[in-house]
Amino acid sequence: MREPPRAVASGHAPAGFGGWSASAPPGGRPRAEAATGRLSPLHPSAPRADNGAMTDAPAPLTKADLARRFIEAIPHSRALGMRVTGIGDGVAAIEMDYDPRFVGDPQTGVIHGGAVSALMDTCGGAAVMSHPQAPAGTATIDLRIDYMRPATPGQRIRAQATCYHITRTVAFVRATATDDDEARPVATATGAFTVEQALAP
């Protein structure tokens, strides 16, 4: 049984999201269409049993699956306790719990803005990676964050990002960070990310 595809670094790392890319599923095993006995059109050469019948095989990983696995494996994401709660088709949602280690003001207990910006940056990159037109990885080109208010101490912070436009080389993202009061954002962001072409094998 083959190991699942692993995320790989793209080889260069501009600021922010860091030039990461998720590798496409190399030789992913095809799906069987049990009802018709035909191959999935995405996989014209699926393995068959000796009697010619289709063998059971797991569905290939989607782009969203790869992005989720990769984001959750990034060291800074794990250190900050980030969790991907939703991802697909250019939209991502990531959250992190309140943690006293990341407090920026000991007197108020407010989380440091750097932790919030890292959350929004990572969420923006995840949105780009899951976009149907993004062929490979991404890196942050520019990210503007406007802080509206301090996050409420003790509350979880949630970020949601949307890749709303993409060209051959640049993807454009909007993101919002909230705590339990979703009507009053903690911060909003707009950013531009690279669209990195998949490397030839």
Protein backbone atom coordinates (compact mmCIF):
# COMPACT_ATOMS: atom_id res chain seq x y z
CA MET A 1 0.00 0.00 0.00
CA ARG A 2 1.41 3.34 -0.99
CA GLU A 3 2.01 6.05 1.56
CA PRO A 4 -0.27 9.10 1.24
CA PRO A 5 1.21 12.07 -0.58
CA ARG A 6 3.29 14.40 1.56
CA ALA A 7 3.49 18.17 1.49
CA VAL A 8 6.79 19.55 0.27
CA ALA A 9 8.51 22.92 0.33
CA SER A 10 8.63 24.74 -2.97
CA GLY A 11 12.25 25.76 -2.70
CA HIS A 12 12.01 29.48 -2.00
CA ALA A 13 10.39 31.30 0.84
CA PRO A 14 9.20 34.87 0.63
CA ALA A 15 7.82 36.45 3.77
CA GLY A 16 4.66 35.32 5.44
CA PHE A 17 3.18 32.05 4.31
CA GLY A 18 6.64 30.93 3.28
CA GLY A 19 6.56 29.44 -0.19
CA TRP A 20 4.95 26.15 0.76
CA SER A 21 3.31 23.82 -1.68
CA ALA A 22 1.30 20.66 -1.43
CA SER A 23 2.36 17.93 -3.81
CA ALA A 24 -0.26 16.42 -6.08
CA PRO A 25 -1.16 12.82 -5.26
CA PRO A 26 1.52 10.87 -7.15
CA GLY A 27 -0.03 7.80 -8.71
CA GLY A 28 -3.08 8.07 -6.51
CA ARG A 29 -5.11 4.88 -6.55
CA PRO A 30 -8.27 5.15 -8.69
CA ARG A 31 -11.88 4.73 -7.68
CA ALA A 32 -14.06 1.89 -8.85
CA GLU A 33 -17.55 2.61 -10.11
CA ALA A 34 -19.25 -0.46 -8.71
CA ALA A 35 -22.64 0.22 -10.23
CA THR A 36 -21.40 0.26 -13.83
CA GLY A 37 -18.14 -1.63 -13.59
CA ARG A 38 -16.45 1.25 -15.42
CA LEU A 39 -13.40 3.22 -14.41
CA SER A 40 -13.67 6.71 -13.05
CA PRO A 41 -12.89 9.07 -15.95
CA LEU A 42 -10.10 10.56 -13.82
CA HIS A 43 -8.35 7.22 -13.66
CA PRO A 44 -8.33 5.33 -16.97
CA SER A 45 -6.09 2.50 -15.74
CA ALA A 46 -7.40 1.34 -12.36
CA PRO A 47 -6.16 -2.06 -11.12
CA ARG A 48 -8.43 -5.06 -11.69
CA ALA A 49 -8.66 -8.41 -10.00
CA ASP A 50 -7.72 -11.58 -11.89
CA ASN A 51 -11.35 -12.07 -12.97
CA GLY A 52 -11.40 -8.63 -14.55
CA ALA A 53 -13.60 -7.03 -11.90
CA MET A 54 -12.71 -3.72 -10.36
CA THR A 55 -10.82 -3.90 -7.07
CA ASP A 56 -11.81 -1.78 -4.10
CA ALA A 57 -9.63 1.31 -3.84
CA PRO A 58 -9.79 4.44 -1.68
CA ALA A 59 -10.88 7.67 -3.32
CA PRO A 60 -7.93 9.91 -4.29
CA LEU A 61 -7.14 12.86 -2.06
CA THR A 62 -8.67 16.13 -3.18
CA LYS A 63 -6.82 19.43 -3.32
CA ALA A 64 -8.66 20.46 -0.15
CA ASP A 65 -7.51 17.25 1.60
CA LEU A 66 -3.90 17.97 0.67
CA ALA A 67 -4.12 21.59 1.82
CA ARG A 68 -5.68 20.55 5.14
CA ARG A 69 -2.99 17.95 5.81
CA PHE A 70 -0.26 20.37 4.95
CA ILE A 71 -1.54 23.29 7.04
CA GLU A 72 -1.97 21.06 10.07
CA ALA A 73 1.64 19.82 9.69
CA ILE A 74 3.34 23.26 9.50
CA PRO A 75 5.41 23.72 12.69
CA HIS A 76 4.19 27.26 13.47
CA SER A 77 0.58 26.18 12.93
CA ARG A 78 1.02 23.34 15.39
CA ALA A 79 2.83 25.57 17.89
CA LEU A 80 -0.05 28.05 17.83
CA GLY A 81 -2.62 25.26 18.07
CA MET A 82 -4.28 26.05 14.74
CA ARG A 83 -7.04 23.73 13.52
CA VAL A 84 -8.53 23.69 10.03
CA THR A 85 -12.30 23.67 10.49
CA GLY A 86 -13.28 24.07 6.85
CA ILE A 87 -11.57 24.20 3.47
CA GLY A 88 -12.40 23.89 -0.20
CA ASP A 89 -12.87 25.77 -3.49
CA GLY A 90 -10.88 28.81 -2.43
CA VAL A 91 -12.35 29.21 1.05
CA ALA A 92 -10.69 28.24 4.34
CA ALA A 93 -11.52 28.50 8.03
CA ILE A 94 -8.91 28.02 10.77
CA GLU A 95 -9.21 28.57 14.52
CA MET A 96 -6.96 28.59 17.57
CA ASP A 97 -7.78 28.45 21.26
CA TYR A 98 -6.84 31.13 23.75
CA ASP A 99 -3.39 30.36 25.14
CA PRO A 100 -1.62 32.38 27.88
CA ARG A 101 1.70 31.75 26.12
CA PHE A 102 0.64 34.12 23.34
CA VAL A 103 -0.58 36.98 25.51
CA GLY A 104 0.82 40.33 24.41
CA ASP A 105 -0.32 42.37 27.42
CA PRO A 106 -0.07 40.58 30.79
CA GLN A 107 -2.25 43.21 32.47
CA THR A 108 -5.22 42.63 30.17
CA GLY A 109 -4.55 39.07 28.98
CA VAL A 110 -5.07 40.09 25.34
CA ILE A 111 -3.51 37.81 22.72
CA HIS A 112 -0.58 39.39 20.83
CA GLY A 113 -1.44 40.74 17.40
CA GLY A 114 1.34 38.66 15.88
CA ALA A 115 -0.52 35.46 16.71
CA VAL A 116 -3.66 36.84 15.07
CA SER A 117 -1.73 37.89 11.97
CA ALA A 118 -0.12 34.44 11.70
CA LEU A 119 -3.57 32.87 11.89
CA MET A 120 -4.94 35.11 9.14
CA ASP A 121 -1.86 34.67 6.94
CA THR A 122 -2.03 30.88 7.22
CA CYS A 123 -5.77 30.91 6.54
CA GLY A 124 -5.22 33.04 3.44
CA GLY A 125 -2.59 30.64 2.15
CA ALA A 126 -4.90 27.68 2.75
CA ALA A 127 -7.67 29.38 0.76
CA VAL A 128 -5.31 29.86 -2.18
CA MET A 129 -4.04 26.28 -2.02
CA SER A 130 -7.60 24.93 -2.15
CA HIS A 131 -8.68 27.11 -5.09
CA PRO A 132 -9.58 25.06 -8.18
CA GLN A 133 -7.33 27.20 -10.40
CA ALA A 134 -4.27 27.09 -8.11
CA PRO A 135 -1.96 24.43 -9.57
CA ALA A 136 0.46 24.00 -6.68
CA GLY A 137 1.71 25.98 -3.69
CA THR A 138 1.74 29.60 -2.62
CA ALA A 139 3.69 32.24 -0.72
CA THR A 140 2.63 35.58 0.75
CA ILE A 141 3.46 38.60 -1.42
CA ASP A 142 1.63 41.22 0.59
CA LEU A 143 -0.75 41.14 3.54
CA ARG A 144 -2.48 44.18 5.01
CA ILE A 145 -4.18 43.65 8.37
CA ASP A 146 -6.48 46.18 10.01
CA TYR A 147 -7.05 45.55 13.70
CA MET A 148 -10.52 46.60 14.83
CA ARG A 149 -10.30 45.71 18.52
CA PRO A 150 -8.45 43.41 20.94
CA ALA A 151 -9.56 39.78 20.97
CA THR A 152 -11.48 39.01 24.15
CA PRO A 153 -9.21 37.19 26.63
CA GLY A 154 -10.15 33.56 27.10
CA GLN A 155 -12.02 33.23 23.81
CA ARG A 156 -11.12 31.21 20.74
CA ILE A 157 -10.08 33.17 17.65
CA ARG A 158 -11.43 32.10 14.26
CA ALA A 159 -10.23 33.19 10.84
CA GLN A 160 -12.00 32.78 7.54
CA ALA A 161 -10.39 33.59 4.20
CA THR A 162 -11.64 33.64 0.63
CA CYS A 163 -9.53 33.61 -2.51
CA TYR A 164 -11.82 35.84 -4.58
CA HIS A 165 -9.68 36.35 -7.68
CA ILE A 166 -6.78 34.48 -9.24
CA THR A 167 -4.51 35.13 -12.22
CA ARG A 168 -1.74 33.04 -13.71
CA THR A 169 0.75 34.29 -11.11
CA VAL A 170 -1.13 36.06 -8.28
CA ALA A 171 -4.08 35.14 -6.04
CA PHE A 172 -6.06 37.76 -4.12
CA VAL A 173 -7.52 37.05 -0.70
CA ARG A 174 -9.82 38.63 1.88
CA ALA A 175 -9.86 37.40 5.48
CA THR A 176 -11.60 38.13 8.76
CA ALA A 177 -10.72 37.16 12.33
CA THR A 178 -13.37 37.00 15.06
CA ASP A 179 -13.83 35.77 18.61
CA ASP A 180 -17.20 34.78 20.09
CA ASP A 181 -18.68 38.14 19.04
CA GLU A 182 -18.81 37.43 15.31
CA ALA A 183 -20.63 40.68 14.57
CA ARG A 184 -17.57 42.68 15.68
CA PRO A 185 -14.43 41.47 13.86
CA VAL A 186 -11.11 41.45 15.68
CA ALA A 187 -9.30 42.13 12.41
CA THR A 188 -9.76 42.14 8.66
CA ALA A 189 -7.12 41.53 6.01
CA THR A 190 -6.50 41.72 2.29
CA GLY A 191 -3.57 40.01 0.68
CA ALA A 192 -1.83 38.86 -2.46
CA PHE A 193 -0.23 35.42 -2.72
CA THR A 194 1.87 33.76 -5.39
CA VAL A 195 0.38 31.13 -7.68
CA GLU A 196 3.20 28.65 -8.07
CA GLN A 197 3.21 26.27 -10.98
CA ALA A 198 3.67 22.58 -10.27
CA LEU A 199 7.21 21.39 -10.96
CA ALA A 200 7.72 18.76 -13.62
CA PRO A 201 8.58 15.34 -12.16
